[in-house]
Structure formats: structure tokens, C-alpha cells
Amino acid sequence: MDAKLNIVPFVSVDHMMKLVNAIGVERFLTDLAAYIEEDFQRWELFDKTPRVASHSTDGVIELMPTSDGRLYGFKYVNGHPKNTRDGRQTVTAFGVLADVGNGYPMLLTEMTILTALRTAAMSAVAAKYLAPEGADTMAIIGNGAQSEFQALAFKAILDVRKLRLYDIDSSASRRCARNLAGLGFEVTICASTEEAVEGAHIITTATADKQNATILSDNMVGAGVHINAVGGDCPGKTELHRDILLRSDIFVEFPEQTRIEGEIQQLAADHPVTELWQVITGRVAGRTDGRRITLFDSVGFAIEDFSALRYVRDQLEATGLYQELDLLADPDEPRDLFGMLLRAASPGKLAAVSA
């Protein structure tokens, strides 16, 4: 890419779709998962803070920043479950990657699609360390915008090919099944959550309602299961009955954020949890017993978005799938910003300013 100081590469929704399709969805997920693992292995280098959230009765708007000392990244993201009634997405996002050394943005990109991909990749990374050996069947409870991405990530990274789908809106399950047709899955559409979890080694919950809900009750979860809890991601929004948590080995991204937003907001502030980066680096064990219940209390953390931004940035030169955005002022003399403004004026306007 040309070193034009005023230009920032911009990846639009159209370019993101072309990028994902050019690479292939499953390879994109696998590569992105590798970037996430690499950054989790460098966890201690990163700035870490719970996301900055602005809550309303309708949803939440959040900023998610982090830096490894060389690069800085942030994501703007919303979560508004009622949006689908108006034909809008529940979650939308965009992100920026910048050079810490000079503060200049290096990338501006859509992250609605990219967030769906990174959430699925993160889920599969966690399950790689926590799911029971030989797991090949996953129940997906809540078949909204995230469901196909989760299915493909688990297939690409763990070879999970049997899916049991349930949603209170059966048309969502049918749509998910149609979208995954021909992609190597054996799909069963179920009539209830109880039916969906029967025989599943992995249970993914990905519902959207902003409330304390009981998507899984205690009697639904047997020994040896891995739960991938994706939907609970803000205060007052959970999916699992508290008794499930008390029976589970719980793994989280960043405890300070998860205790506010995750399933563990239902528990005491000192309830023991394990940070996933410690498992990935080998400092602590993940699944220790075939009969244990493991729970990944996934809320999404800024380092995962940083990994996604870094991955997309690395694909641009080879693919050319971006456009040049004239975002930064670049006067010939760095201190003469007003002079640049004057020189951009028409002769008539310039004369008026001089008068």
C-alpha cells in the first residue's frame, strides 16, 4: 500500500464480504483463531479495561479499546435486540487500528461481519481447550445472526459436524439449516431446548433478549458437557440458571468485565473462575476430567477485536480489497494547517478572506 500520509485504508461491508469469500469462510475463521491464540499468548503485554458502555432501555453502545504497546485498536459496537422489528441489525460495529508510535490510523473497517467471525473464532478457540475429547455434536440455542458462524468455526477447528438447532422462532432454525446446506453438516431442527441438548457434547447459547433469562435449566445439562455461553453480554442479561454455574468449571476472558456482563454476574464477586489466557499459555489446565462441565462465559473482549483488526490489515496488500479514504490532514508544512485550508479555497473566496 502507498505511504500517503493523508490516506487510511477503509474496508467497507462490500470489501469485507469479498475478502471473506476470497479467503473462504472456514479458512478465514481458522486463520483468525490463530491470530487470537497468538495474542492471548501475549496477554500480559496488553492494556486491559472493561469496555466503556452507555446503557439505555433499548440497548447498549460500547467502545472497546486495547493496545500491545506497538499497535492500538478499538471497536465501536452496539447491541439493540429490538432492532430486528425495524429491519435493522441487533449488533453493528466498526473499528480502527492505529500506530502507537505516531498515532496515525492504519485501518478503518466495518466490524459487523467481522465481529460475528471473531466471536465464532473465539468460541472455537475456547472449545479447543475445554470441550470433551471427540466432541462432534453441538446444540445451538438461538439461531440468529451468529448461529451459522458458530457452526462453521466449530467445524473448521474441532470438526463438529452434527448440529441440533432450536429457536423460539422456528423460521430462524429453518433459515440456518438452509444456509448451512451442502457445507458438510448433519442438521436436526428441534422442537424445544430439551430436545436440542439431548446427545450434544457442546451447547452454544446465543440468544439476544436483554434480560435475565433461563435458556438452560440445571436439569438439562449432564456430565461431560461444554457450554459455550455467547448471548449474555451486559448487566442484567444472562442465559443460564445459576445452579449450572455452581456445577461448572468456569473460564472467562477478562474477569473484571465478565463479572459485570457475563453469566457470573449471578455469583459472588469472589467466585473462582479461570482466565482463558492462562489455559492457552499452559499455565493452568483446561478440562481436567471427562465428566466435568466446562463453561466458557463469553462476553467478547477488546483483545479479540484487536486480533481481528490485525488479521484484516495483514490481508489488504495481497488482496487490494480496500479503498483509500482521505481521512487525515497532511499539509506540506505540518504546522501550517490553516495555510492548507486557505490554499484549498477558490480564488474568489481566498480574496474575500484576504479582504
Protein backbone atom coordinates (compact mmCIF):
# COMPACT_ATOMS: atom_id res chain seq x y z
CA MET A 1 0.00 0.00 0.00
CA ASP A 2 1.25 3.50 -0.86
CA ALA A 3 2.58 5.60 2.01
CA LYS A 4 0.26 8.60 1.54
CA LEU A 5 0.05 10.30 4.91
CA ASN A 6 -3.50 11.56 4.34
CA ILE A 7 -4.84 8.15 3.33
CA VAL A 8 -6.26 5.47 5.63
CA PRO A 9 -7.24 2.10 4.15
CA PHE A 10 -11.00 1.60 4.56
CA VAL A 11 -12.66 -1.81 4.35
CA SER A 12 -16.34 -1.39 3.55
CA VAL A 13 -19.02 -4.02 4.05
CA ASP A 14 -18.73 -4.86 0.35
CA HIS A 15 -14.97 -5.30 0.58
CA MET A 16 -15.26 -7.33 3.78
CA MET A 17 -17.68 -9.73 2.10
CA LYS A 18 -15.36 -10.04 -0.89
CA LEU A 19 -12.39 -10.59 1.42
CA VAL A 20 -14.11 -13.35 3.39
CA ASN A 21 -15.32 -15.06 0.24
CA ALA A 22 -11.93 -14.75 -1.46
CA ILE A 23 -10.19 -16.38 1.51
CA GLY A 24 -13.05 -18.80 2.25
CA VAL A 25 -15.16 -18.61 5.40
CA GLU A 26 -13.64 -21.64 7.12
CA ARG A 27 -10.06 -20.66 6.33
CA PHE A 28 -10.81 -17.10 7.47
CA LEU A 29 -12.12 -18.47 10.79
CA THR A 30 -9.14 -20.79 11.20
CA ASP A 31 -6.61 -18.06 10.43
CA LEU A 32 -8.41 -15.59 12.71
CA ALA A 33 -8.44 -18.16 15.51
CA ALA A 34 -4.65 -18.47 15.15
CA TYR A 35 -4.26 -14.69 15.49
CA ILE A 36 -6.47 -14.75 18.63
CA GLU A 37 -4.39 -17.54 20.17
CA GLU A 38 -1.20 -15.67 19.36
CA ASP A 39 -2.47 -12.53 21.09
CA PHE A 40 -3.80 -14.46 24.09
CA GLN A 41 -0.31 -15.89 24.48
CA ARG A 42 0.89 -12.25 24.74
CA TRP A 43 -1.96 -11.34 27.11
CA GLU A 44 0.19 -9.67 29.74
CA LEU A 45 1.53 -7.12 27.21
CA PHE A 46 -1.88 -5.60 26.54
CA ASP A 47 -3.69 -2.67 28.10
CA LYS A 48 -6.87 -4.13 29.56
CA THR A 49 -10.02 -2.41 30.74
CA PRO A 50 -13.72 -3.30 30.78
CA ARG A 51 -15.42 -1.80 27.77
CA VAL A 52 -16.87 1.68 28.12
CA ALA A 53 -20.63 1.18 27.92
CA SER A 54 -23.58 3.53 27.58
CA HIS A 55 -26.76 1.65 28.51
CA SER A 56 -30.35 2.62 27.74
CA THR A 57 -33.71 0.88 27.98
CA ASP A 58 -33.34 -0.03 24.28
CA GLY A 59 -29.79 -1.37 24.25
CA VAL A 60 -26.15 -0.51 24.71
CA ILE A 61 -23.41 1.37 22.83
CA GLU A 62 -19.84 0.41 23.71
CA LEU A 63 -16.23 1.30 22.99
CA MET A 64 -13.65 -1.49 23.30
CA PRO A 65 -10.02 -0.25 23.32
CA THR A 66 -6.68 -2.01 23.83
CA SER A 67 -3.01 -1.76 22.88
CA ASP A 68 0.01 -4.04 22.88
CA GLY A 69 2.38 -1.05 23.02
CA ARG A 70 3.02 -1.08 19.27
CA LEU A 71 -0.49 -1.05 17.85
CA TYR A 72 -3.71 0.44 19.26
CA GLY A 73 -7.16 -0.79 18.36
CA PHE A 74 -10.71 -0.02 19.30
CA LYS A 75 -14.19 -1.09 18.27
CA TYR A 76 -17.46 0.80 18.39
CA VAL A 77 -20.33 -1.66 18.82
CA ASN A 78 -23.98 -1.56 19.76
CA GLY A 79 -26.46 -4.16 20.96
CA HIS A 80 -30.14 -3.37 20.42
CA PRO A 81 -32.33 -6.52 20.44
CA LYS A 82 -35.46 -4.64 19.33
CA ASN A 83 -33.79 -3.51 16.10
CA THR A 84 -34.91 -6.56 14.14
CA ARG A 85 -38.52 -5.30 14.38
CA ASP A 86 -37.46 -2.35 12.21
CA GLY A 87 -35.38 -4.37 9.80
CA ARG A 88 -32.12 -3.39 11.50
CA GLN A 89 -29.26 -5.49 12.84
CA THR A 90 -29.14 -6.20 16.57
CA VAL A 91 -25.37 -5.64 16.53
CA THR A 92 -23.40 -3.25 14.31
CA ALA A 93 -19.76 -2.26 14.63
CA PHE A 94 -16.75 -0.57 13.11
CA GLY A 95 -13.13 -0.49 14.22
CA VAL A 96 -9.80 1.30 13.94
CA LEU A 97 -6.21 0.06 14.13
CA ALA A 98 -3.51 2.69 14.74
CA ASP A 99 0.27 3.02 15.04
CA VAL A 100 1.20 3.79 18.65
CA GLY A 101 4.45 5.41 17.52
CA ASN A 102 2.82 8.25 15.60
CA GLY A 103 -0.87 7.95 16.49
CA TYR A 104 -1.93 7.66 12.83
CA PRO A 105 -4.79 5.28 11.98
CA MET A 106 -3.66 2.36 9.82
CA LEU A 107 -7.08 0.85 9.16
CA LEU A 108 -10.76 1.75 9.37
CA THR A 109 -13.10 -1.16 8.81
CA GLU A 110 -16.62 -2.39 9.14
CA MET A 111 -16.87 -4.84 12.02
CA THR A 112 -20.46 -6.06 11.95
CA ILE A 113 -19.48 -9.05 9.83
CA LEU A 114 -16.01 -9.16 11.36
CA THR A 115 -17.41 -9.28 14.92
CA ALA A 116 -19.57 -12.26 14.00
CA LEU A 117 -16.49 -14.03 12.65
CA ARG A 118 -14.26 -13.19 15.61
CA THR A 119 -16.95 -14.21 18.14
CA ALA A 120 -17.26 -17.59 16.46
CA ALA A 121 -13.49 -18.00 16.18
CA MET A 122 -13.09 -17.14 19.88
CA SER A 123 -15.75 -19.70 20.84
CA ALA A 124 -13.95 -22.40 18.89
CA VAL A 125 -10.56 -21.48 20.39
CA ALA A 126 -12.02 -21.86 23.89
CA ALA A 127 -13.67 -25.17 22.99
CA LYS A 128 -10.38 -26.46 21.58
CA TYR A 129 -9.08 -26.44 25.16
CA LEU A 130 -12.31 -27.15 27.07
CA ALA A 131 -14.62 -29.40 25.06
CA PRO A 132 -14.67 -33.16 25.75
CA GLU A 133 -12.37 -35.25 23.59
CA GLY A 134 -14.07 -36.47 20.42
CA ALA A 135 -16.96 -33.98 20.64
CA ASP A 136 -18.79 -34.00 17.32
CA THR A 137 -22.32 -32.80 18.19
CA MET A 138 -23.31 -29.26 19.09
CA ALA A 139 -26.65 -27.81 20.11
CA ILE A 140 -27.17 -24.18 19.09
CA ILE A 141 -29.90 -22.50 21.12
CA GLY A 142 -30.83 -19.22 19.44
CA ASN A 143 -30.48 -19.32 15.67
CA GLY A 144 -29.98 -15.65 14.90
CA ALA A 145 -27.17 -13.88 13.06
CA GLN A 146 -24.38 -15.66 14.98
CA SER A 147 -25.51 -19.26 14.52
CA GLU A 148 -24.01 -20.12 11.13
CA PHE A 149 -20.68 -18.54 12.05
CA GLN A 150 -20.54 -20.61 15.25
CA ALA A 151 -21.31 -23.79 13.32
CA LEU A 152 -18.62 -23.17 10.71
CA ALA A 153 -15.98 -22.23 13.30
CA PHE A 154 -16.59 -25.41 15.29
CA LYS A 155 -16.47 -27.47 12.10
CA ALA A 156 -13.27 -25.83 10.88
CA ILE A 157 -11.40 -26.01 14.19
CA LEU A 158 -12.94 -29.01 16.05
CA ASP A 159 -14.55 -30.98 13.18
CA VAL A 160 -18.01 -30.71 14.75
CA ARG A 161 -20.45 -31.77 12.04
CA LYS A 162 -23.67 -32.69 13.85
CA LEU A 163 -25.89 -29.74 14.73
CA ARG A 164 -29.07 -29.64 16.78
CA LEU A 165 -30.88 -26.32 16.30
CA TYR A 166 -33.57 -24.65 18.37
CA ASP A 167 -35.07 -21.17 18.33
CA ILE A 168 -38.41 -19.91 19.64
CA ASP A 169 -38.90 -18.69 16.07
CA SER A 170 -38.77 -21.90 14.06
CA SER A 171 -38.23 -19.95 10.83
CA ALA A 172 -34.83 -18.90 12.19
CA SER A 173 -33.83 -22.55 12.58
CA ARG A 174 -35.03 -23.34 9.08
CA ARG A 175 -33.07 -20.40 7.67
CA CYS A 176 -29.93 -21.53 9.49
CA ALA A 177 -30.34 -25.05 8.15
CA ARG A 178 -30.81 -23.73 4.59
CA ASN A 179 -27.73 -21.52 4.85
CA LEU A 180 -25.60 -24.46 6.03
CA ALA A 181 -26.92 -26.91 3.45
CA GLY A 182 -24.15 -28.53 1.43
CA LEU A 183 -21.43 -27.42 3.86
CA GLY A 184 -20.85 -30.81 5.48
CA PHE A 185 -23.30 -30.77 8.40
CA GLU A 186 -25.91 -33.18 9.65
CA VAL A 187 -28.61 -30.78 10.89
CA THR A 188 -31.57 -31.58 13.12
CA ILE A 189 -34.18 -28.90 13.80
CA CYS A 190 -35.60 -29.44 17.29
CA ALA A 191 -38.91 -28.51 18.88
CA SER A 192 -37.51 -27.50 22.27
CA THR A 193 -34.31 -26.69 24.11
CA GLU A 194 -34.59 -30.02 25.93
CA GLU A 195 -34.66 -31.88 22.62
CA ALA A 196 -31.76 -29.84 21.21
CA VAL A 197 -29.35 -30.57 24.08
CA GLU A 198 -30.11 -34.31 24.06
CA GLY A 199 -26.90 -36.07 22.99
CA ALA A 200 -24.96 -32.82 22.48
CA HIS A 201 -21.34 -32.67 23.64
CA ILE A 202 -21.23 -28.89 23.22
CA ILE A 203 -24.09 -26.48 23.94
CA THR A 204 -23.93 -22.99 22.44
CA THR A 205 -26.42 -20.42 23.70
CA ALA A 206 -26.68 -17.33 21.51
CA THR A 207 -29.94 -15.57 22.30
CA ALA A 208 -30.46 -11.81 22.03
CA ASP A 209 -33.08 -10.67 24.55
CA LYS A 210 -31.70 -8.12 27.01
CA GLN A 211 -32.98 -9.77 30.18
CA ASN A 212 -32.15 -12.37 32.79
CA ALA A 213 -33.44 -15.49 31.06
CA THR A 214 -33.21 -19.20 31.75
CA ILE A 215 -32.34 -20.66 28.37
CA LEU A 216 -30.73 -23.65 30.07
CA SER A 217 -32.06 -25.01 33.36
CA ASP A 218 -29.96 -27.20 35.63
CA ASN A 219 -31.65 -30.47 34.74
CA MET A 220 -30.82 -30.03 31.03
CA VAL A 221 -27.04 -30.19 31.49
CA GLY A 222 -25.44 -33.54 32.12
CA ALA A 223 -21.89 -34.55 32.97
CA GLY A 224 -19.07 -34.00 30.50
CA VAL A 225 -20.70 -31.19 28.53
CA HIS A 226 -19.00 -28.00 27.38
CA ILE A 227 -21.21 -24.89 27.42
CA ASN A 228 -20.38 -22.00 25.12
CA ALA A 229 -22.46 -19.15 26.58
CA VAL A 230 -22.42 -16.36 23.98
CA GLY A 231 -25.66 -14.42 24.45
CA GLY A 232 -25.21 -12.98 27.95
CA ASP A 233 -23.01 -9.93 27.43
CA CYS A 234 -24.26 -6.99 29.51
CA PRO A 235 -25.58 -6.27 33.02
CA GLY A 236 -28.98 -7.84 33.57
CA LYS A 237 -28.67 -10.20 30.57
CA THR A 238 -27.99 -13.88 31.26
CA GLU A 239 -28.97 -17.24 29.76
CA LEU A 240 -28.09 -19.94 32.31
CA HIS A 241 -29.69 -20.95 35.58
CA ARG A 242 -27.41 -20.12 38.49
CA ASP A 243 -27.23 -23.77 39.58
CA ILE A 244 -25.46 -24.66 36.33
CA LEU A 245 -22.73 -22.18 37.17
CA LEU A 246 -22.24 -23.71 40.60
CA ARG A 247 -21.63 -27.13 38.98
CA SER A 248 -19.26 -25.88 36.29
CA ASP A 249 -15.59 -25.10 35.86
CA ILE A 250 -15.89 -21.52 34.60
CA PHE A 251 -13.49 -19.92 32.12
CA VAL A 252 -13.55 -16.24 31.20
CA GLU A 253 -11.72 -13.68 29.10
CA PHE A 254 -11.21 -10.72 31.48
CA PRO A 255 -12.77 -11.24 34.92
CA GLU A 256 -13.25 -7.53 35.64
CA GLN A 257 -15.52 -7.29 32.58
CA THR A 258 -17.17 -10.71 32.81
CA ARG A 259 -18.27 -10.20 36.43
CA ILE A 260 -20.22 -7.15 35.22
CA GLU A 261 -21.62 -8.57 31.98
CA GLY A 262 -21.39 -12.36 31.93
CA GLU A 263 -23.23 -15.29 33.43
CA ILE A 264 -21.10 -14.93 36.57
CA GLN A 265 -22.82 -11.65 37.42
CA GLN A 266 -25.23 -14.05 39.17
CA LEU A 267 -22.47 -15.23 41.54
CA ALA A 268 -20.48 -13.74 44.39
CA ALA A 269 -17.72 -11.35 43.34
CA ASP A 270 -15.06 -13.76 44.63
CA HIS A 271 -16.45 -16.92 42.99
CA PRO A 272 -13.44 -18.71 41.45
CA VAL A 273 -13.00 -18.53 37.69
CA THR A 274 -10.09 -19.31 35.37
CA GLU A 275 -8.78 -16.84 32.80
CA LEU A 276 -8.63 -18.46 29.39
CA TRP A 277 -5.25 -16.96 28.50
CA GLN A 278 -3.73 -18.99 31.34
CA VAL A 279 -5.07 -22.18 29.75
CA ILE A 280 -3.84 -21.23 26.28
CA THR A 281 -0.34 -20.50 27.61
CA GLY A 282 -0.28 -23.79 29.55
CA ARG A 283 -0.10 -22.18 32.99
CA VAL A 284 -3.25 -23.94 34.17
CA ALA A 285 -5.24 -26.91 32.93
CA GLY A 286 -8.44 -26.59 30.93
CA ARG A 287 -10.66 -29.66 31.03
CA THR A 288 -9.31 -31.95 33.74
CA ASP A 289 -11.93 -34.69 33.77
CA GLY A 290 -14.17 -36.22 31.12
CA ARG A 291 -17.19 -35.85 33.40
CA ARG A 292 -16.67 -32.20 34.34
CA ILE A 293 -18.93 -29.47 32.99
CA THR A 294 -16.89 -26.67 31.45
CA LEU A 295 -18.38 -23.24 30.79
CA PHE A 296 -16.88 -20.54 28.60
CA ASP A 297 -18.61 -17.39 29.86
CA SER A 298 -18.06 -15.44 26.65
CA VAL A 299 -18.78 -11.70 26.63
CA GLY A 300 -16.26 -10.60 23.99
CA PHE A 301 -13.11 -8.69 24.87
CA ALA A 302 -11.12 -5.96 23.10
CA ILE A 303 -8.04 -8.13 22.51
CA GLU A 304 -10.14 -10.41 20.27
CA ASP A 305 -11.14 -7.38 18.18
CA PHE A 306 -7.51 -6.28 18.10
CA SER A 307 -6.63 -9.72 16.67
CA ALA A 308 -9.35 -9.37 14.05
CA LEU A 309 -8.19 -5.88 13.05
CA ARG A 310 -4.61 -7.10 12.83
CA TYR A 311 -5.63 -10.06 10.67
CA VAL A 312 -7.65 -7.95 8.25
CA ARG A 313 -4.85 -5.39 7.97
CA ASP A 314 -2.43 -8.18 7.03
CA GLN A 315 -4.68 -9.28 4.14
CA LEU A 316 -5.03 -5.92 2.40
CA GLU A 317 -1.81 -5.65 0.40
CA ALA A 318 -2.21 -9.05 -1.25
CA THR A 319 -5.92 -8.68 -1.97
CA GLY A 320 -6.34 -4.95 -2.65
CA LEU A 321 -9.81 -5.22 -1.11
CA TYR A 322 -9.99 -1.77 0.41
CA GLN A 323 -10.43 1.80 -0.67
CA GLU A 324 -8.33 4.85 0.06
CA LEU A 325 -10.05 7.16 2.50
CA ASP A 326 -8.85 10.78 2.61
CA LEU A 327 -9.14 10.97 6.40
CA LEU A 328 -6.08 12.82 7.70
CA ALA A 329 -4.97 16.40 7.05
CA ASP A 330 -1.48 16.43 5.51
CA PRO A 331 -0.21 20.00 4.93
CA ASP A 332 3.13 20.48 3.18
CA GLU A 333 4.36 22.15 6.36
CA PRO A 334 2.99 20.20 9.36
CA ARG A 335 2.48 23.40 11.40
CA ASP A 336 0.64 25.25 8.60
CA LEU A 337 -2.80 23.66 8.85
CA PHE A 338 -4.59 26.98 8.25
CA GLY A 339 -2.43 27.65 5.20
CA MET A 340 -3.57 24.34 3.72
CA LEU A 341 -7.16 25.45 4.29
CA LEU A 342 -6.51 28.76 2.52
CA ARG A 343 -4.85 27.11 -0.46
CA ALA A 344 -7.87 24.82 -0.85
CA ALA A 345 -10.23 27.79 -1.20
CA SER A 346 -11.37 29.09 -4.59
CA PRO A 347 -9.62 32.34 -5.74
CA GLY A 348 -12.78 34.35 -5.03
CA LYS A 349 -13.13 33.01 -1.50
CA LEU A 350 -9.40 33.46 -0.92
CA ALA A 351 -9.70 37.15 -1.94
CA ALA A 352 -12.64 37.57 0.43
CA VAL A 353 -10.62 36.14 3.30
CA SER A 354 -7.70 38.45 2.42
CA ALA A 355 -10.02 41.49 2.37
